[in-house]
């Protein structure tokens, strides 16, 4: 009986440790829960926040808090300290839950298979296009648009084949549009 209990504790510790190692990235949604504060403040602060392009989340009363590359536990401690140091709450207790979300890059337009491509850390503009079947016969490879947030950038991807170091690294949520050539 003691052996089974010890094994169960070990499994919980290992799985909790793996979760604690996960770090936040730009575009990640996180669920924030606060306790130890008035109920009306809890309803205002308890929410799902998204790590913005600057790597931060924007919280009531304290503004932006850096979240990128932090574990949920590190972010929770940082937010608690922020509320204390700004003398907003004396004893806040923050819980951060990472949202189980798949990360994608959308590829559309003149490619063989317009689709959502699962994001990987090493994904570039050209690898995402290749993952969607590559360019079709009518693609304009000189004017491929990358949409990231509110910004749109046009690339000539033929240059990436000559010099792969120029290929643009992608982020989750990026959208790629390959226009059709006029001739």
C-alpha atoms as a PDB file:
ATOM      1  CA  UNK A   1       0.000   0.000   0.000  1.00  0.00           C
ATOM      2  CA  UNK A   2       2.782   2.442   0.906  1.00  0.00           C
ATOM      3  CA  UNK A   3       4.612   1.574  -2.306  1.00  0.00           C
ATOM      4  CA  UNK A   4       1.526   2.349  -4.434  1.00  0.00           C
ATOM      5  CA  UNK A   5       1.062   5.656  -2.621  1.00  0.00           C
ATOM      6  CA  UNK A   6       4.721   6.577  -3.144  1.00  0.00           C
ATOM      7  CA  UNK A   7       4.462   5.769  -6.858  1.00  0.00           C
ATOM      8  CA  UNK A   8       1.321   7.904  -7.151  1.00  0.00           C
ATOM      9  CA  UNK A   9       3.084  10.846  -5.466  1.00  0.00           C
ATOM     10  CA  UNK A  10       6.054  10.433  -7.808  1.00  0.00           C
ATOM     11  CA  UNK A  11       3.820  10.419 -10.904  1.00  0.00           C
ATOM     12  CA  UNK A  12       2.002  13.563  -9.759  1.00  0.00           C
ATOM     13  CA  UNK A  13       5.311  15.300  -9.015  1.00  0.00           C
ATOM     14  CA  UNK A  14       6.767  14.393 -12.403  1.00  0.00           C
ATOM     15  CA  UNK A  15       3.677  15.478 -14.362  1.00  0.00           C
ATOM     16  CA  UNK A  16       3.439  18.693 -12.338  1.00  0.00           C
ATOM     17  CA  UNK A  17       7.102  19.350 -13.016  1.00  0.00           C
ATOM     18  CA  UNK A  18       6.634  18.933 -16.759  1.00  0.00           C
ATOM     19  CA  UNK A  19       3.734  21.389 -16.696  1.00  0.00           C
ATOM     20  CA  UNK A  20       5.712  23.867 -14.619  1.00  0.00           C
ATOM     21  CA  UNK A  21       8.523  23.816 -17.207  1.00  0.00           C
ATOM     22  CA  UNK A  22       6.227  25.067 -20.002  1.00  0.00           C
ATOM     23  CA  UNK A  23       7.018  28.682 -20.784  1.00  0.00           C
ATOM     24  CA  UNK A  24       4.728  31.294 -22.237  1.00  0.00           C
ATOM     25  CA  UNK A  25       5.176  32.636 -25.750  1.00  0.00           C
ATOM     26  CA  UNK A  26       3.732  35.501 -27.753  1.00  0.00           C
ATOM     27  CA  UNK A  27       0.152  34.711 -28.705  1.00  0.00           C
ATOM     28  CA  UNK A  28      -0.444  32.280 -25.835  1.00  0.00           C
ATOM     29  CA  UNK A  29      -3.732  32.671 -23.975  1.00  0.00           C
ATOM     30  CA  UNK A  30      -3.519  32.324 -20.183  1.00  0.00           C
ATOM     31  CA  UNK A  31      -6.332  32.102 -17.681  1.00  0.00           C
ATOM     32  CA  UNK A  32      -5.770  34.235 -14.593  1.00  0.00           C
ATOM     33  CA  UNK A  33      -7.614  33.693 -11.309  1.00  0.00           C
ATOM     34  CA  UNK A  34      -7.120  35.945  -8.295  1.00  0.00           C
ATOM     35  CA  UNK A  35      -8.077  35.329  -4.679  1.00  0.00           C
ATOM     36  CA  UNK A  36      -7.501  37.278  -1.487  1.00  0.00           C
ATOM     37  CA  UNK A  37      -9.126  40.417  -2.914  1.00  0.00           C
ATOM     38  CA  UNK A  38     -12.693  41.799  -2.831  1.00  0.00           C
ATOM     39  CA  UNK A  39     -15.236  39.824  -4.873  1.00  0.00           C
ATOM     40  CA  UNK A  40     -16.017  42.708  -7.227  1.00  0.00           C
ATOM     41  CA  UNK A  41     -12.292  42.982  -8.075  1.00  0.00           C
ATOM     42  CA  UNK A  42     -12.096  39.230  -8.665  1.00  0.00           C
ATOM     43  CA  UNK A  43     -14.819  39.427 -11.306  1.00  0.00           C
ATOM     44  CA  UNK A  44     -12.946  42.257 -13.020  1.00  0.00           C
ATOM     45  CA  UNK A  45      -9.506  40.580 -12.967  1.00  0.00           C
ATOM     46  CA  UNK A  46     -10.410  36.889 -13.468  1.00  0.00           C
ATOM     47  CA  UNK A  47     -10.167  36.492 -17.207  1.00  0.00           C
ATOM     48  CA  UNK A  48      -8.300  34.964 -20.141  1.00  0.00           C
ATOM     49  CA  UNK A  49      -5.433  37.180 -21.303  1.00  0.00           C
ATOM     50  CA  UNK A  50      -3.270  36.834 -24.405  1.00  0.00           C
ATOM     51  CA  UNK A  51       0.481  37.439 -24.391  1.00  0.00           C
ATOM     52  CA  UNK A  52       0.844  40.390 -26.777  1.00  0.00           C
ATOM     53  CA  UNK A  53       3.514  41.070 -29.413  1.00  0.00           C
ATOM     54  CA  UNK A  54       5.701  42.717 -26.763  1.00  0.00           C
ATOM     55  CA  UNK A  55       5.554  39.589 -24.595  1.00  0.00           C
ATOM     56  CA  UNK A  56       3.270  41.094 -21.950  1.00  0.00           C
ATOM     57  CA  UNK A  57      -0.282  40.828 -20.649  1.00  0.00           C
ATOM     58  CA  UNK A  58      -2.284  43.918 -19.722  1.00  0.00           C
ATOM     59  CA  UNK A  59      -3.957  43.694 -16.303  1.00  0.00           C
ATOM     60  CA  UNK A  60      -6.406  45.967 -14.467  1.00  0.00           C
ATOM     61  CA  UNK A  61      -4.826  48.498 -12.083  1.00  0.00           C
ATOM     62  CA  UNK A  62      -1.179  47.608 -12.876  1.00  0.00           C
ATOM     63  CA  UNK A  63      -1.015  47.624 -16.677  1.00  0.00           C
ATOM     64  CA  UNK A  64       1.488  45.527 -18.598  1.00  0.00           C
ATOM     65  CA  UNK A  65       3.334  42.646 -16.932  1.00  0.00           C
ATOM     66  CA  UNK A  66       6.045  40.784 -18.855  1.00  0.00           C
ATOM     67  CA  UNK A  67       4.964  37.168 -19.446  1.00  0.00           C
ATOM     68  CA  UNK A  68       7.022  35.810 -22.355  1.00  0.00           C
ATOM     69  CA  UNK A  69       9.506  33.040 -21.444  1.00  0.00           C
ATOM     70  CA  UNK A  70       8.080  32.745 -17.909  1.00  0.00           C
ATOM     71  CA  UNK A  71       6.442  29.670 -16.449  1.00  0.00           C
ATOM     72  CA  UNK A  72       2.882  30.076 -15.126  1.00  0.00           C
ATOM     73  CA  UNK A  73       4.241  30.005 -11.549  1.00  0.00           C
ATOM     74  CA  UNK A  74       6.831  32.714 -12.302  1.00  0.00           C
ATOM     75  CA  UNK A  75       4.180  34.896 -13.918  1.00  0.00           C
ATOM     76  CA  UNK A  76       1.838  34.427 -10.939  1.00  0.00           C
ATOM     77  CA  UNK A  77       4.592  35.521  -8.507  1.00  0.00           C
ATOM     78  CA  UNK A  78       5.420  38.519 -10.692  1.00  0.00           C
ATOM     79  CA  UNK A  79       1.780  39.651 -10.787  1.00  0.00           C
ATOM     80  CA  UNK A  80       1.347  39.176  -7.028  1.00  0.00           C
ATOM     81  CA  UNK A  81       4.465  41.277  -6.364  1.00  0.00           C
ATOM     82  CA  UNK A  82       3.263  43.921  -8.798  1.00  0.00           C
ATOM     83  CA  UNK A  83      -0.092  44.272  -7.009  1.00  0.00           C
ATOM     84  CA  UNK A  84       1.701  44.420  -3.621  1.00  0.00           C
ATOM     85  CA  UNK A  85       4.432  46.885  -4.643  1.00  0.00           C
ATOM     86  CA  UNK A  86       1.860  49.213  -6.201  1.00  0.00           C
ATOM     87  CA  UNK A  87      -0.112  48.998  -2.905  1.00  0.00           C
ATOM     88  CA  UNK A  88      -3.258  47.843  -4.681  1.00  0.00           C
ATOM     89  CA  UNK A  89      -3.715  44.579  -2.751  1.00  0.00           C
ATOM     90  CA  UNK A  90      -1.942  43.385   0.380  1.00  0.00           C
ATOM     91  CA  UNK A  91      -2.382  39.638  -0.071  1.00  0.00           C
ATOM     92  CA  UNK A  92      -3.330  38.655  -3.622  1.00  0.00           C
ATOM     93  CA  UNK A  93      -3.125  34.986  -4.557  1.00  0.00           C
ATOM     94  CA  UNK A  94      -2.758  34.486  -8.320  1.00  0.00           C
ATOM     95  CA  UNK A  95      -3.277  31.239 -10.209  1.00  0.00           C
ATOM     96  CA  UNK A  96      -2.234  31.059 -13.871  1.00  0.00           C
ATOM     97  CA  UNK A  97      -3.478  28.283 -16.136  1.00  0.00           C
ATOM     98  CA  UNK A  98      -2.024  27.847 -19.596  1.00  0.00           C
ATOM     99  CA  UNK A  99      -4.792  27.327 -22.098  1.00  0.00           C
ATOM    100  CA  UNK A 100      -4.494  24.068 -24.039  1.00  0.00           C
ATOM    101  CA  UNK A 101      -4.312  25.541 -27.484  1.00  0.00           C
ATOM    102  CA  UNK A 102      -2.888  24.335 -30.727  1.00  0.00           C
ATOM    103  CA  UNK A 103      -0.743  26.852 -32.526  1.00  0.00           C
ATOM    104  CA  UNK A 104      -1.173  27.331 -36.234  1.00  0.00           C
ATOM    105  CA  UNK A 105      -0.022  29.370 -39.212  1.00  0.00           C
ATOM    106  CA  UNK A 106      -2.599  29.934 -41.950  1.00  0.00           C
ATOM    107  CA  UNK A 107      -1.439  29.609 -45.559  1.00  0.00           C
ATOM    108  CA  UNK A 108      -3.792  30.658 -48.343  1.00  0.00           C
ATOM    109  CA  UNK A 109      -3.965  31.829 -51.906  1.00  0.00           C
ATOM    110  CA  UNK A 110      -2.028  30.273 -54.774  1.00  0.00           C
ATOM    111  CA  UNK A 111      -0.676  27.207 -53.001  1.00  0.00           C
ATOM    112  CA  UNK A 112      -1.553  23.595 -53.792  1.00  0.00           C
ATOM    113  CA  UNK A 113      -3.371  23.008 -50.480  1.00  0.00           C
ATOM    114  CA  UNK A 114      -4.468  26.175 -48.614  1.00  0.00           C
ATOM    115  CA  UNK A 115      -4.609  25.111 -44.979  1.00  0.00           C
ATOM    116  CA  UNK A 116      -3.770  25.732 -41.334  1.00  0.00           C
ATOM    117  CA  UNK A 117      -0.275  24.405 -40.715  1.00  0.00           C
ATOM    118  CA  UNK A 118       0.611  23.305 -37.148  1.00  0.00           C
ATOM    119  CA  UNK A 119       3.248  25.721 -35.833  1.00  0.00           C
ATOM    120  CA  UNK A 120       6.735  24.502 -34.946  1.00  0.00           C
ATOM    121  CA  UNK A 121       9.537  26.509 -33.346  1.00  0.00           C
ATOM    122  CA  UNK A 122      11.729  26.345 -36.462  1.00  0.00           C
ATOM    123  CA  UNK A 123       8.970  27.271 -38.944  1.00  0.00           C
ATOM    124  CA  UNK A 124       9.807  29.832 -41.608  1.00  0.00           C
ATOM    125  CA  UNK A 125       7.799  31.430 -44.385  1.00  0.00           C
ATOM    126  CA  UNK A 126       9.078  28.977 -46.985  1.00  0.00           C
ATOM    127  CA  UNK A 127       8.626  25.878 -44.787  1.00  0.00           C
ATOM    128  CA  UNK A 128       4.990  26.855 -44.097  1.00  0.00           C
ATOM    129  CA  UNK A 129       4.333  27.266 -47.815  1.00  0.00           C
ATOM    130  CA  UNK A 130       5.992  23.906 -48.506  1.00  0.00           C
ATOM    131  CA  UNK A 131       3.875  22.285 -45.765  1.00  0.00           C
ATOM    132  CA  UNK A 132       0.772  23.448 -47.613  1.00  0.00           C
ATOM    133  CA  UNK A 133       1.869  21.702 -50.811  1.00  0.00           C
ATOM    134  CA  UNK A 134       4.086  24.444 -52.200  1.00  0.00           C
ATOM    135  CA  UNK A 135       3.240  27.069 -54.787  1.00  0.00           C
ATOM    136  CA  UNK A 136       0.734  26.208 -57.493  1.00  0.00           C
ATOM    137  CA  UNK A 137       1.435  26.952 -61.161  1.00  0.00           C
ATOM    138  CA  UNK A 138      -0.105  30.442 -60.949  1.00  0.00           C
ATOM    139  CA  UNK A 139       1.616  31.714 -57.779  1.00  0.00           C
ATOM    140  CA  UNK A 140       3.357  35.090 -57.689  1.00  0.00           C
ATOM    141  CA  UNK A 141       6.414  34.213 -55.585  1.00  0.00           C
ATOM    142  CA  UNK A 142       7.662  37.811 -55.696  1.00  0.00           C
ATOM    143  CA  UNK A 143       4.784  39.278 -53.667  1.00  0.00           C
ATOM    144  CA  UNK A 144       4.001  36.850 -50.840  1.00  0.00           C
ATOM    145  CA  UNK A 145       2.300  38.664 -47.946  1.00  0.00           C
ATOM    146  CA  UNK A 146       2.893  37.869 -44.294  1.00  0.00           C
ATOM    147  CA  UNK A 147       0.163  39.168 -41.997  1.00  0.00           C
ATOM    148  CA  UNK A 148       1.211  39.393 -38.346  1.00  0.00           C
ATOM    149  CA  UNK A 149      -1.260  41.115 -36.096  1.00  0.00           C
ATOM    150  CA  UNK A 150      -2.072  44.415 -37.811  1.00  0.00           C
ATOM    151  CA  UNK A 151       1.084  44.488 -39.921  1.00  0.00           C
ATOM    152  CA  UNK A 152       1.436  43.209 -43.485  1.00  0.00           C
ATOM    153  CA  UNK A 153       4.858  42.655 -45.084  1.00  0.00           C
ATOM    154  CA  UNK A 154       5.532  41.600 -48.665  1.00  0.00           C
ATOM    155  CA  UNK A 155       8.416  39.227 -49.449  1.00  0.00           C
ATOM    156  CA  UNK A 156      10.057  37.902 -52.599  1.00  0.00           C
ATOM    157  CA  UNK A 157      10.513  34.287 -51.493  1.00  0.00           C
ATOM    158  CA  UNK A 158      12.696  33.480 -54.497  1.00  0.00           C
ATOM    159  CA  UNK A 159      15.491  35.244 -52.541  1.00  0.00           C
ATOM    160  CA  UNK A 160      15.075  32.737 -49.691  1.00  0.00           C
ATOM    161  CA  UNK A 161      15.999  29.894 -52.009  1.00  0.00           C
ATOM    162  CA  UNK A 162      19.244  31.661 -52.933  1.00  0.00           C
ATOM    163  CA  UNK A 163      19.995  32.639 -49.327  1.00  0.00           C
ATOM    164  CA  UNK A 164      18.053  30.563 -46.759  1.00  0.00           C
ATOM    165  CA  UNK A 165      19.348  32.750 -43.905  1.00  0.00           C
ATOM    166  CA  UNK A 166      16.956  35.491 -45.105  1.00  0.00           C
ATOM    167  CA  UNK A 167      13.887  33.245 -44.708  1.00  0.00           C
ATOM    168  CA  UNK A 168      11.524  34.830 -42.161  1.00  0.00           C
ATOM    169  CA  UNK A 169      10.842  32.983 -38.877  1.00  0.00           C
ATOM    170  CA  UNK A 170       7.135  32.676 -38.197  1.00  0.00           C
ATOM    171  CA  UNK A 171       5.062  33.021 -35.040  1.00  0.00           C
ATOM    172  CA  UNK A 172       1.839  31.272 -34.068  1.00  0.00           C
ATOM    173  CA  UNK A 173      -1.152  33.006 -35.629  1.00  0.00           C
ATOM    174  CA  UNK A 174       0.731  34.358 -38.660  1.00  0.00           C
ATOM    175  CA  UNK A 175      -1.153  34.388 -41.943  1.00  0.00           C
ATOM    176  CA  UNK A 176       0.502  33.902 -45.323  1.00  0.00           C
ATOM    177  CA  UNK A 177      -1.192  34.973 -48.547  1.00  0.00           C
ATOM    178  CA  UNK A 178       0.273  33.914 -51.877  1.00  0.00           C
ATOM    179  CA  UNK A 179      -1.207  36.031 -54.686  1.00  0.00           C
ATOM    180  CA  UNK A 180      -1.888  34.833 -58.197  1.00  0.00           C
ATOM    181  CA  UNK A 181       0.507  35.953 -60.919  1.00  0.00           C
ATOM    182  CA  UNK A 182      -0.915  38.111 -63.694  1.00  0.00           C
ATOM    183  CA  UNK A 183       0.998  36.250 -66.419  1.00  0.00           C
END
